[in-house]
Amino acid sequence: MILHAAYRIAWKDVVGDFRRRSTLSSMLFFAIAALVVFQAAFEPDRKEAVKLLPGLIWVTVLFTSLVGLGRVFQAEEEDGAFEGLLLAPIPREAVFLGKWWGNLSLTALVELMLLPVMLVLFNVDAWAVLPAMFGVLLLGTLGFTALGVLLAALTQGARGRETLLALLLLPLAVPLLIAGVQATAALLGTGGEIAPWVRLILIFDVVYLSLAPWAFGWLVEE
């Protein structure tokens, strides 16, 4: 029942966003604008671009994700339906999982479109490791979005919630982002071994995904 309810909530969010063309289009616009600014500011040659690319990928994904996380509960707020969602005869964990799956789907879609654009813009020949780069990004996104959805629920209704969400999320996500940058650098041949960093990402994923559903249920009961 939990998985079915979570799937329905995620489906509602994703389909609703495609109809409104709001969150996904905003995330894509922000990501492309950030890439163009980075490319114009650094103007790196191919050798420098390979060294810069891991950090630029994760910084772009980080701030693009914040755009989506700031709108996780937007539809319920606009319709005044959040309390109704909580009153539905489903576990609180299903609400969290549905919101997380919906946000994760949109973020992963943006990442999938973002990586080829980055390689073209920065003239980096890393097409052979592109699937592995997406895999590392997706692993990091699992834990990052889980933490982000929890904090989005915490800051819901607060004044300046986007700023507050960023202030809460960034310090907690820094270790995960460092591991992601190092793993991506290893794939591009500018870092050390990839295995320890992937293990670290998995550890953070397990911690965030274990604690976030429980914390969400406790949070919305308060």
Protein backbone atom coordinates (compact mmCIF):
# COMPACT_ATOMS: atom_id res chain seq x y z
CA MET A 1 0.00 0.00 0.00
CA ILE A 2 2.83 2.39 0.85
CA LEU A 3 4.55 1.94 -2.50
CA HIS A 4 1.31 2.22 -4.47
CA ALA A 5 0.30 5.43 -2.66
CA ALA A 6 3.80 6.86 -3.10
CA TYR A 7 3.69 6.05 -6.80
CA ARG A 8 0.35 7.84 -7.20
CA ILE A 9 1.66 10.95 -5.45
CA ALA A 10 4.85 10.95 -7.55
CA TRP A 11 2.84 10.42 -10.75
CA LYS A 12 0.56 13.32 -9.83
CA ASP A 13 3.53 15.63 -9.25
CA VAL A 14 5.42 14.69 -12.41
CA VAL A 15 2.40 14.75 -14.74
CA GLY A 16 1.15 17.97 -13.14
CA ASP A 17 4.52 19.60 -13.70
CA PHE A 18 4.60 18.57 -17.35
CA ARG A 19 1.16 20.12 -17.78
CA ARG A 20 2.10 23.36 -16.02
CA ARG A 21 5.63 23.41 -17.47
CA SER A 22 6.87 25.06 -14.30
CA THR A 23 9.47 23.20 -12.25
CA LEU A 24 11.23 21.24 -14.99
CA SER A 25 11.43 24.22 -17.35
CA SER A 26 12.73 26.45 -14.55
CA MET A 27 15.39 23.90 -13.60
CA LEU A 28 16.51 23.49 -17.21
CA PHE A 29 16.64 27.23 -17.82
CA PHE A 30 18.67 27.78 -14.65
CA ALA A 31 21.07 24.94 -15.45
CA ILE A 32 21.75 26.11 -19.00
CA ALA A 33 22.13 29.72 -17.90
CA ALA A 34 24.63 28.67 -15.22
CA LEU A 35 26.63 26.63 -17.73
CA VAL A 36 26.80 29.49 -20.21
CA VAL A 37 27.96 31.87 -17.46
CA PHE A 38 30.63 29.40 -16.28
CA GLN A 39 31.86 28.83 -19.81
CA ALA A 40 32.04 32.56 -20.55
CA ALA A 41 33.75 33.33 -17.24
CA PHE A 42 36.46 30.64 -17.36
CA GLU A 43 36.89 30.10 -21.12
CA PRO A 44 39.04 27.05 -20.38
CA ASP A 45 41.02 25.07 -22.90
CA ARG A 46 40.35 21.35 -23.08
CA LYS A 47 42.95 20.40 -20.45
CA GLU A 48 41.68 22.98 -17.94
CA ALA A 49 38.06 22.09 -18.69
CA VAL A 50 38.61 18.46 -17.67
CA LYS A 51 39.87 19.63 -14.28
CA LEU A 52 37.06 22.15 -13.81
CA LEU A 53 34.22 19.96 -15.04
CA PRO A 54 33.61 17.81 -11.90
CA GLY A 55 33.15 20.85 -9.67
CA LEU A 56 31.05 22.68 -12.24
CA ILE A 57 28.79 19.66 -12.75
CA TRP A 58 28.00 19.30 -9.06
CA VAL A 59 27.65 23.03 -8.39
CA THR A 60 25.21 23.32 -11.30
CA VAL A 61 23.25 20.26 -10.16
CA LEU A 62 23.21 21.53 -6.57
CA PHE A 63 21.70 24.91 -7.34
CA THR A 64 19.43 23.52 -10.04
CA SER A 65 18.09 20.99 -7.51
CA LEU A 66 17.35 23.82 -5.09
CA VAL A 67 14.99 25.29 -7.69
CA GLY A 68 13.04 22.03 -7.79
CA LEU A 69 13.15 21.41 -4.04
CA GLY A 70 11.72 24.86 -3.38
CA ARG A 71 8.60 23.82 -5.30
CA VAL A 72 8.08 20.30 -3.92
CA PHE A 73 4.93 21.30 -2.00
CA GLN A 74 3.91 24.20 -4.24
CA ALA A 75 0.87 22.48 -5.75
CA GLU A 76 -0.55 21.58 -2.33
CA GLU A 77 0.10 25.09 -1.01
CA GLU A 78 -1.63 26.75 -3.96
CA ASP A 79 -4.70 24.51 -3.61
CA GLY A 80 -4.62 24.40 0.19
CA ALA A 81 -4.43 20.62 -0.10
CA PHE A 82 -1.43 19.75 2.07
CA GLU A 83 -3.49 19.06 5.18
CA GLY A 84 -5.88 17.01 3.07
CA LEU A 85 -2.94 14.97 1.81
CA LEU A 86 -1.86 14.31 5.39
CA LEU A 87 -5.43 13.32 6.35
CA ALA A 88 -5.54 10.69 3.61
CA PRO A 89 -5.58 7.10 4.97
CA ILE A 90 -1.99 6.41 3.96
CA PRO A 91 1.21 6.31 6.03
CA ARG A 92 3.25 9.51 6.32
CA GLU A 93 6.17 7.63 4.79
CA ALA A 94 4.14 7.21 1.58
CA VAL A 95 3.73 10.98 1.31
CA PHE A 96 7.46 11.47 1.73
CA LEU A 97 8.35 8.74 -0.76
CA GLY A 98 5.92 10.12 -3.33
CA LYS A 99 7.30 13.62 -3.04
CA TRP A 100 10.85 12.29 -3.14
CA TRP A 101 10.23 10.11 -6.19
CA GLY A 102 8.60 13.00 -8.02
CA ASN A 103 11.45 15.39 -7.30
CA LEU A 104 14.06 12.72 -8.02
CA SER A 105 12.48 11.99 -11.42
CA LEU A 106 12.58 15.64 -12.48
CA THR A 107 16.12 16.14 -11.19
CA ALA A 108 17.40 12.99 -12.91
CA LEU A 109 15.79 14.11 -16.17
CA VAL A 110 17.56 17.47 -15.93
CA GLU A 111 20.87 15.73 -15.20
CA LEU A 112 20.41 13.42 -18.18
CA MET A 113 20.01 16.42 -20.50
CA LEU A 114 22.63 18.49 -18.71
CA LEU A 115 25.66 16.21 -19.05
CA PRO A 116 25.86 16.12 -22.88
CA VAL A 117 25.39 19.90 -23.02
CA MET A 118 28.30 20.36 -20.59
CA LEU A 119 30.60 18.16 -22.63
CA VAL A 120 29.78 20.10 -25.80
CA LEU A 121 30.06 23.55 -24.19
CA PHE A 122 33.39 22.81 -22.53
CA ASN A 123 34.72 20.74 -25.45
CA VAL A 124 35.53 17.75 -23.24
CA ASP A 125 35.85 14.32 -24.86
CA ALA A 126 34.36 12.17 -22.09
CA TRP A 127 31.58 10.45 -24.00
CA ALA A 128 32.93 7.01 -23.12
CA VAL A 129 32.39 7.61 -19.39
CA LEU A 130 29.14 9.54 -19.79
CA PRO A 131 26.92 6.67 -18.51
CA ALA A 132 29.20 6.24 -15.48
CA MET A 133 29.10 9.99 -14.79
CA PHE A 134 25.32 9.91 -14.87
CA GLY A 135 25.37 6.92 -12.53
CA VAL A 136 27.52 8.80 -10.00
CA LEU A 137 25.28 11.86 -10.29
CA LEU A 138 22.20 9.74 -9.76
CA LEU A 139 23.71 8.06 -6.68
CA GLY A 140 24.47 11.45 -5.15
CA THR A 141 21.05 12.76 -6.11
CA LEU A 142 19.30 9.94 -4.24
CA GLY A 143 20.51 11.14 -0.84
CA PHE A 144 20.59 14.83 -1.70
CA THR A 145 16.96 14.98 -2.80
CA ALA A 146 15.80 12.87 0.17
CA LEU A 147 17.40 15.37 2.54
CA GLY A 148 16.08 18.25 0.45
CA VAL A 149 12.46 17.05 0.50
CA LEU A 150 12.63 16.69 4.29
CA LEU A 151 13.98 20.22 4.70
CA ALA A 152 11.44 21.54 2.17
CA ALA A 153 8.71 20.19 4.45
CA LEU A 154 10.40 21.83 7.43
CA THR A 155 10.58 25.25 5.73
CA GLN A 156 7.14 25.05 4.13
CA GLY A 157 5.19 28.20 4.81
CA ALA A 158 8.19 30.04 6.26
CA ARG A 159 9.01 33.54 5.09
CA GLY A 160 11.93 33.42 2.66
CA ARG A 161 11.69 29.64 2.52
CA GLU A 162 13.96 29.29 -0.54
CA THR A 163 16.78 31.08 1.28
CA LEU A 164 16.13 29.15 4.47
CA LEU A 165 16.08 25.86 2.57
CA ALA A 166 19.46 26.62 1.00
CA LEU A 167 20.96 27.65 4.35
CA LEU A 168 19.84 24.40 5.96
CA LEU A 169 20.61 22.08 3.06
CA LEU A 170 24.03 23.21 1.89
CA PRO A 171 26.00 22.52 5.11
CA LEU A 172 24.42 19.09 5.52
CA ALA A 173 25.05 18.14 1.89
CA VAL A 174 28.68 19.29 1.69
CA PRO A 175 30.24 15.84 2.46
CA LEU A 176 28.04 14.21 -0.17
CA LEU A 177 28.97 16.88 -2.72
CA ILE A 178 32.69 16.50 -2.01
CA ALA A 179 32.42 12.74 -2.53
CA GLY A 180 30.51 13.32 -5.77
CA VAL A 181 33.10 15.77 -7.11
CA GLN A 182 35.96 13.40 -6.29
CA ALA A 183 34.20 10.41 -7.85
CA THR A 184 33.50 12.39 -11.03
CA ALA A 185 37.11 13.59 -11.15
CA ALA A 186 38.26 9.97 -10.88
CA LEU A 187 36.09 9.05 -13.86
CA LEU A 188 37.62 11.87 -15.90
CA GLY A 189 41.14 10.81 -14.92
CA THR A 190 41.95 13.87 -12.80
CA GLY A 191 41.44 12.25 -9.39
CA GLY A 192 42.37 9.15 -7.45
CA GLU A 193 40.43 5.92 -7.11
CA ILE A 194 36.68 6.09 -7.56
CA ALA A 195 35.67 3.18 -5.30
CA PRO A 196 36.20 4.89 -1.88
CA TRP A 197 34.20 7.93 -2.96
CA VAL A 198 31.34 5.85 -4.34
CA ARG A 199 31.23 3.94 -1.05
CA LEU A 200 31.06 7.24 0.82
CA ILE A 201 28.17 8.41 -1.39
CA LEU A 202 26.34 5.14 -0.69
CA ILE A 203 26.84 5.57 3.06
CA PHE A 204 25.28 9.04 2.97
CA ASP A 205 22.45 7.73 0.79
CA VAL A 206 21.67 4.99 3.28
CA VAL A 207 21.76 7.43 6.22
CA TYR A 208 19.56 10.05 4.57
CA LEU A 209 17.09 7.54 3.13
CA SER A 210 16.80 5.75 6.46
CA LEU A 211 16.24 8.82 8.60
CA ALA A 212 14.33 11.16 6.27
CA PRO A 213 11.01 9.20 6.05
CA TRP A 214 10.89 8.76 9.82
CA ALA A 215 11.80 12.42 10.42
CA PHE A 216 9.15 13.53 7.90
CA GLY A 217 6.44 11.59 9.74
CA TRP A 218 7.51 13.13 13.04
CA LEU A 219 7.77 16.61 11.51
CA VAL A 220 4.28 16.75 10.00
CA GLU A 221 2.72 15.47 13.22
CA GLU A 222 4.06 18.48 15.14
